[in-house]
Each structure stands twice: as structure tokens, then as C-alpha cells.
Amino acid sequence: MLFINTRPKARATELSFALQQAGIQVLELPLLELEPCAWSTALQSLYLQLPQASCIVVVSPSAVEFGMAGLQQSGLTLQDLQALQWIAVGEKTAQALAAYGIQSHVPEVETSEGMLQIPLLQNLSSSSCIAFWRGQGGRQFMMENLQQQGVSILNFILYQRRCPTQTMKNFEQVVAQLQQHQSYSVLISSEASWLNWLALMQTHPALFAHGHFMVLGERLFQLLFKAQAQQHLAFHLHLLSDLSTETILQCLRAMPRNA
């Protein structure tokens, strides 16, 4: 089976190498690339309010990178934020924060639902203020859930997602490869990556029937499940609890041998 690694280019290499070592054919096809948002007075204002927040939720290693760059541009330092708690969406994000000397809370399950189970967020008062360092479109479910509890949100949109130009340019070659395989598997780690895949496959709906979609988290799984019915698409769905190499390998090994 052909495995399509859709992770951003900088994060794809380790997974691709491990799967290839396990004898799995891998095609790297990033569905997302990130670019920082332009500096604005709105961002400056958010940073100046940051010392009054209870904690900062950081949704990705990229959010660490762009968030720290913005912090420097705002004129604040980490010393100004020493009273805050930090929450990282997963171990990779926690490692990126640790490079700045920051210890963070990490959920057991690396999804928005998993993050909401962190004791720090379970015990918030309605007067709390939480900052989100995120990309455009990311973690809205988590913010909406907290706002319903009366929590104030500082919403830092630090970067934008888009489908890489090279991916769009080369996709007909990818289609040719898919047509040569009895089946293929695709890693879908976000709603944005799923929407980009749908757009790319718009003129090749028959190829969905050969696809095994490995989806991160229950909410995203349900999104694809609904898409099957609404758009009359036939494909196989597999739920991932996290994006670790071992979890992905286990999922691939559990697929039917003739898939």
C-alpha cells in the first residue's frame, strides 16, 4: 500500500524514514504550508494584554516560532510573562517551548478535546483570561467551548495555512501514481488539510474508493464520516489517537493485507 505523508515538509522526514524502514512505500505530499501574518496594531494590542492572562495555549511548534517572534517585536520579554502557565498541544510543541526554558502542560490525547481535559483548564474561574497562539482557522472548537464557560479569550492569529503551490502543480503526477495502486492511505491531521485534499481530488472522485484515510481525533473523524454521506464518497476511515510514528505504523499494519 502506498502511504501519502501529508505533514508539512519540515515535519514529514522522520515519519517517512521510519515507515520506509518498515518496508512501506511513502509519497511525501504536504497539504499545508504556513506563512506568518503581517504585524498589525491589533497584534500589538493583544501582546500588551498578555501579562494579564492566566495561561497561554500554544497549538503547534510553528505557533511557538511565530509567537516568540511577535513577543520580541511587541517589546515584551518572557520575564514579563513569568506568572503565566503554558499549555502545549503535544510533545513536539512542548519541546519547542522547552527550548525557551518554558515548562508546559501537555494533554494525554493531542486534540482539542484532549486539551480541554487538562486540570488547569478544568478548574478555571469565569473571570479567567486565556491566550491562544494559533494559526488562522485552528482550535476554534476549543476557544468556543471556553467562551461558553465565560472565559475571556486573547485570540492571536499568528500564521495562515495554504495548500503548497508545488503540491497543486504536481498533483496530476500524484493521481497517476494512485491509479497504479490497488489502494493507498492518506494522513489527515486537520480540517484544513482535509479541505485541501477534497479540492485537489475534485475531478477524480472515483479514486476515493481506493483510499484509507487515517484521521487524527474523534471530531475530525466525524467530519469525514459526514462528508462520505453528504458528498457521496466511498472511502475507508481509521481513527488515530495521536500522530506518533508507532501509532501510524500500528494503524497501517492493522489494515487488511489485500487493501
Protein backbone atom coordinates (compact mmCIF):
# COMPACT_ATOMS: atom_id res chain seq x y z
CA MET A 1 0.00 0.00 0.00
CA LEU A 2 1.19 3.50 -0.82
CA PHE A 3 1.27 5.85 2.20
CA ILE A 4 0.83 9.56 1.49
CA ASN A 5 2.58 11.64 4.12
CA THR A 6 0.73 14.96 4.15
CA ARG A 7 2.62 16.56 7.04
CA PRO A 8 4.34 19.92 6.40
CA LYS A 9 7.73 19.43 4.81
CA ALA A 10 9.74 20.21 7.96
CA ARG A 11 7.80 17.61 9.99
CA ALA A 12 7.49 14.83 7.40
CA THR A 13 11.04 13.45 7.23
CA GLU A 14 11.17 11.47 10.50
CA LEU A 15 7.87 9.70 9.84
CA SER A 16 8.70 8.97 6.20
CA PHE A 17 12.06 7.44 7.13
CA ALA A 18 10.56 5.22 9.84
CA LEU A 19 7.82 3.91 7.52
CA GLN A 20 10.29 3.26 4.71
CA GLN A 21 12.47 1.31 7.15
CA ALA A 22 9.37 -0.78 7.89
CA GLY A 23 9.01 -1.58 4.19
CA ILE A 24 6.18 0.83 3.42
CA GLN A 25 6.23 2.87 0.22
CA VAL A 26 5.92 6.58 1.07
CA LEU A 27 4.99 9.58 -1.03
CA GLU A 28 5.51 12.98 0.62
CA LEU A 29 2.74 15.38 -0.34
CA PRO A 30 2.36 18.28 2.13
CA LEU A 31 -1.20 19.59 2.18
CA LEU A 32 -0.38 22.65 4.27
CA GLU A 33 2.31 25.27 4.43
CA LEU A 34 2.45 28.14 6.88
CA GLU A 35 3.23 31.80 6.45
CA PRO A 36 3.31 34.41 9.25
CA CYS A 37 0.59 37.03 9.41
CA ALA A 38 1.71 40.62 8.91
CA TRP A 39 2.38 42.63 12.07
CA SER A 40 -0.55 44.87 12.99
CA THR A 41 -1.79 47.22 15.69
CA ALA A 42 -4.30 44.51 16.65
CA LEU A 43 -1.49 42.04 17.34
CA GLN A 44 0.47 44.67 19.25
CA SER A 45 -2.60 45.29 21.42
CA LEU A 46 -3.02 41.56 22.13
CA TYR A 47 0.61 41.22 23.21
CA LEU A 48 0.30 44.17 25.57
CA GLN A 49 -2.65 42.41 27.27
CA LEU A 50 -0.76 39.13 27.58
CA PRO A 51 0.71 39.68 31.10
CA GLN A 52 -2.87 39.79 32.47
CA ALA A 53 -3.77 36.33 31.08
CA SER A 54 -3.95 33.17 33.20
CA CYS A 55 -2.27 30.95 30.64
CA ILE A 56 -1.21 30.64 27.02
CA VAL A 57 -2.36 27.74 24.84
CA VAL A 58 0.19 27.06 22.08
CA VAL A 59 -1.16 24.87 19.29
CA SER A 60 1.96 23.88 17.33
CA PRO A 61 5.75 24.25 17.09
CA SER A 62 5.08 26.88 14.40
CA ALA A 63 2.94 28.83 16.88
CA VAL A 64 5.93 28.82 19.24
CA GLU A 65 8.19 30.17 16.50
CA PHE A 66 5.82 32.90 15.31
CA GLY A 67 4.60 33.71 18.82
CA MET A 68 8.10 34.27 20.18
CA ALA A 69 8.99 36.45 17.18
CA GLY A 70 5.90 38.56 17.86
CA LEU A 71 6.74 38.78 21.55
CA GLN A 72 10.11 40.28 20.69
CA GLN A 73 8.53 42.69 18.21
CA SER A 74 5.99 43.82 20.82
CA GLY A 75 8.74 44.88 23.21
CA LEU A 76 7.78 42.32 25.88
CA THR A 77 10.07 39.59 27.23
CA LEU A 78 9.47 36.17 28.75
CA GLN A 79 10.28 37.78 32.08
CA ASP A 80 7.07 39.80 31.70
CA LEU A 81 5.12 36.53 31.37
CA GLN A 82 6.70 34.58 34.22
CA ALA A 83 3.41 34.39 36.18
CA LEU A 84 1.60 32.66 33.27
CA GLN A 85 1.06 28.93 32.79
CA TRP A 86 1.71 27.39 29.37
CA ILE A 87 -0.25 24.63 27.63
CA ALA A 88 1.20 22.79 24.62
CA VAL A 89 -0.99 20.80 22.23
CA GLY A 90 1.53 17.92 22.18
CA GLU A 91 5.07 16.78 22.92
CA LYS A 92 6.60 18.44 19.84
CA THR A 93 5.14 21.80 20.87
CA ALA A 94 6.28 21.22 24.46
CA GLN A 95 9.82 20.57 23.19
CA ALA A 96 9.73 23.81 21.18
CA LEU A 97 8.69 25.71 24.33
CA ALA A 98 11.35 23.93 26.38
CA ALA A 99 13.98 25.38 24.05
CA TYR A 100 12.99 28.75 25.55
CA GLY A 101 13.20 27.38 29.09
CA ILE A 102 9.39 27.04 29.40
CA GLN A 103 7.71 24.08 31.09
CA SER A 104 4.23 23.35 29.77
CA HIS A 105 1.18 21.21 30.45
CA VAL A 106 0.58 18.57 27.74
CA PRO A 107 -2.71 16.67 27.19
CA GLU A 108 -2.81 12.87 27.21
CA VAL A 109 -4.67 13.00 23.87
CA GLU A 110 -3.33 15.55 21.39
CA THR A 111 -6.65 17.00 20.24
CA SER A 112 -8.81 19.99 21.23
CA GLU A 113 -10.99 17.64 23.28
CA GLY A 114 -7.91 16.23 24.99
CA MET A 115 -6.60 19.70 25.81
CA LEU A 116 -9.89 20.65 27.46
CA GLN A 117 -9.34 17.76 29.92
CA ILE A 118 -6.13 19.31 31.31
CA PRO A 119 -6.79 20.02 35.03
CA LEU A 120 -5.61 23.62 34.63
CA LEU A 121 -8.46 24.26 32.16
CA GLN A 122 -10.96 22.20 34.14
CA ASN A 123 -10.54 24.46 37.17
CA LEU A 124 -10.84 27.88 35.53
CA SER A 125 -12.99 30.60 37.01
CA SER A 126 -15.32 32.56 34.74
CA SER A 127 -13.12 35.63 35.23
CA SER A 128 -10.10 33.87 33.71
CA CYS A 129 -8.39 35.09 30.56
CA ILE A 130 -6.64 32.65 28.21
CA ALA A 131 -4.44 33.49 25.25
CA PHE A 132 -4.26 31.28 22.16
CA TRP A 133 -1.21 31.28 19.91
CA ARG A 134 -2.56 29.67 16.76
CA GLY A 135 -2.98 29.77 13.01
CA GLN A 136 -5.95 31.01 11.03
CA GLY A 137 -8.82 28.55 11.43
CA GLY A 138 -7.17 26.40 14.12
CA ARG A 139 -8.59 25.36 17.52
CA GLN A 140 -11.88 27.21 17.15
CA PHE A 141 -13.78 24.38 18.87
CA MET A 142 -11.61 24.74 21.97
CA MET A 143 -11.97 28.52 22.13
CA GLU A 144 -15.74 28.40 21.65
CA ASN A 145 -16.05 25.81 24.42
CA LEU A 146 -14.11 28.01 26.86
CA GLN A 147 -16.04 31.14 25.86
CA GLN A 148 -19.30 29.33 26.67
CA GLN A 149 -17.92 28.96 30.21
CA GLY A 150 -17.45 32.73 30.39
CA VAL A 151 -13.67 32.68 29.93
CA SER A 152 -12.14 35.67 28.11
CA ILE A 153 -10.01 34.84 25.07
CA LEU A 154 -6.99 36.65 23.61
CA ASN A 155 -7.02 35.31 20.08
CA PHE A 156 -3.56 35.53 18.45
CA ILE A 157 -3.78 34.55 14.77
CA LEU A 158 -0.07 34.28 14.05
CA TYR A 159 0.05 32.43 10.73
CA GLN A 160 -2.03 31.35 7.77
CA ARG A 161 -2.38 27.93 6.18
CA ARG A 162 -2.46 27.34 2.45
CA CYS A 163 -2.03 24.43 0.08
CA PRO A 164 1.58 24.46 -1.16
CA THR A 165 1.98 25.65 -4.74
CA GLN A 166 4.27 22.70 -5.52
CA THR A 167 1.63 20.24 -4.33
CA MET A 168 -1.01 21.77 -6.61
CA LYS A 169 1.45 21.86 -9.51
CA ASN A 170 2.46 18.19 -9.14
CA PHE A 171 -0.91 16.69 -8.26
CA GLU A 172 -1.66 15.16 -11.66
CA GLN A 173 1.55 13.12 -11.24
CA VAL A 174 0.24 12.01 -7.85
CA VAL A 175 -3.05 10.95 -9.46
CA ALA A 176 -1.09 8.84 -11.93
CA GLN A 177 0.63 7.07 -9.03
CA LEU A 178 -2.67 6.48 -7.20
CA GLN A 179 -4.11 4.89 -10.32
CA GLN A 180 -1.25 2.39 -10.32
CA HIS A 181 -2.03 1.16 -6.80
CA GLN A 182 -4.85 -1.09 -5.65
CA SER A 183 -5.12 1.03 -2.50
CA TYR A 184 -3.46 3.95 -0.75
CA SER A 185 -3.53 5.55 2.70
CA VAL A 186 -3.58 9.28 3.50
CA LEU A 187 -2.75 11.00 6.77
CA ILE A 188 -5.31 13.71 7.62
CA SER A 189 -4.31 15.72 10.70
CA SER A 190 -6.55 18.79 10.42
CA GLU A 191 -9.72 20.09 8.82
CA ALA A 192 -7.63 22.42 6.64
CA SER A 193 -5.62 19.52 5.21
CA TRP A 194 -8.86 17.58 4.52
CA LEU A 195 -10.40 20.53 2.66
CA ASN A 196 -7.25 20.88 0.57
CA TRP A 197 -7.35 17.17 -0.29
CA LEU A 198 -11.00 17.48 -1.33
CA ALA A 199 -10.15 20.41 -3.60
CA LEU A 200 -7.24 18.55 -5.19
CA MET A 201 -9.35 15.43 -5.82
CA GLN A 202 -12.38 17.29 -7.16
CA THR A 203 -12.01 15.91 -10.68
CA HIS A 204 -11.03 12.38 -9.53
CA PRO A 205 -13.88 11.25 -7.21
CA ALA A 206 -13.57 7.58 -8.24
CA LEU A 207 -10.13 7.38 -6.62
CA PHE A 208 -11.64 7.91 -3.16
CA ALA A 209 -12.87 4.31 -3.22
CA HIS A 210 -9.27 3.06 -3.00
CA GLY A 211 -8.35 5.37 -0.13
CA HIS A 212 -7.76 4.63 3.54
CA PHE A 213 -7.91 7.91 5.48
CA MET A 214 -6.04 7.97 8.80
CA VAL A 215 -7.66 10.77 10.80
CA LEU A 216 -6.47 12.48 13.98
CA GLY A 217 -9.13 12.70 16.69
CA GLU A 218 -12.82 11.91 17.01
CA ARG A 219 -14.10 15.32 15.87
CA LEU A 220 -12.16 15.21 12.59
CA PHE A 221 -13.19 11.57 12.14
CA GLN A 222 -16.85 12.61 12.39
CA LEU A 223 -16.26 15.42 9.89
CA LEU A 224 -15.01 12.93 7.28
CA PHE A 225 -17.76 10.48 8.18
CA LYS A 226 -20.38 13.14 7.39
CA ALA A 227 -18.57 14.07 4.17
CA GLN A 228 -18.96 10.47 2.97
CA ALA A 229 -22.74 10.76 3.08
CA GLN A 230 -23.10 14.39 2.04
CA GLN A 231 -20.76 14.16 -0.95
CA HIS A 232 -21.46 10.51 -1.84
CA LEU A 233 -17.83 9.46 -1.38
CA ALA A 234 -16.75 5.90 -0.68
CA PHE A 235 -13.55 5.50 1.34
CA HIS A 236 -12.19 3.75 4.43
CA LEU A 237 -11.81 5.64 7.72
CA HIS A 238 -9.29 4.94 10.51
CA LEU A 239 -9.13 6.89 13.79
CA LEU A 240 -5.74 7.95 15.18
CA SER A 241 -5.33 8.97 18.82
CA ASP A 242 -2.07 10.80 18.05
CA LEU A 243 0.49 11.35 15.27
CA SER A 244 3.32 9.29 16.72
CA THR A 245 5.18 7.05 14.29
CA GLU A 246 4.25 3.94 16.31
CA THR A 247 0.53 4.77 16.25
CA ILE A 248 0.61 5.31 12.49
CA LEU A 249 2.55 2.08 11.97
CA GLN A 250 0.07 0.13 14.09
CA CYS A 251 -2.81 1.53 12.05
CA LEU A 252 -1.15 0.60 8.75
CA ARG A 253 -0.36 -2.92 9.97
CA ALA A 254 -3.97 -3.44 11.08
CA MET A 255 -5.33 -2.71 7.60
CA PRO A 256 -6.35 -5.75 5.54
CA ARG A 257 -3.34 -7.25 3.78
CA ASN A 258 -5.07 -7.10 0.42
CA ALA A 259 -6.14 -3.47 0.96
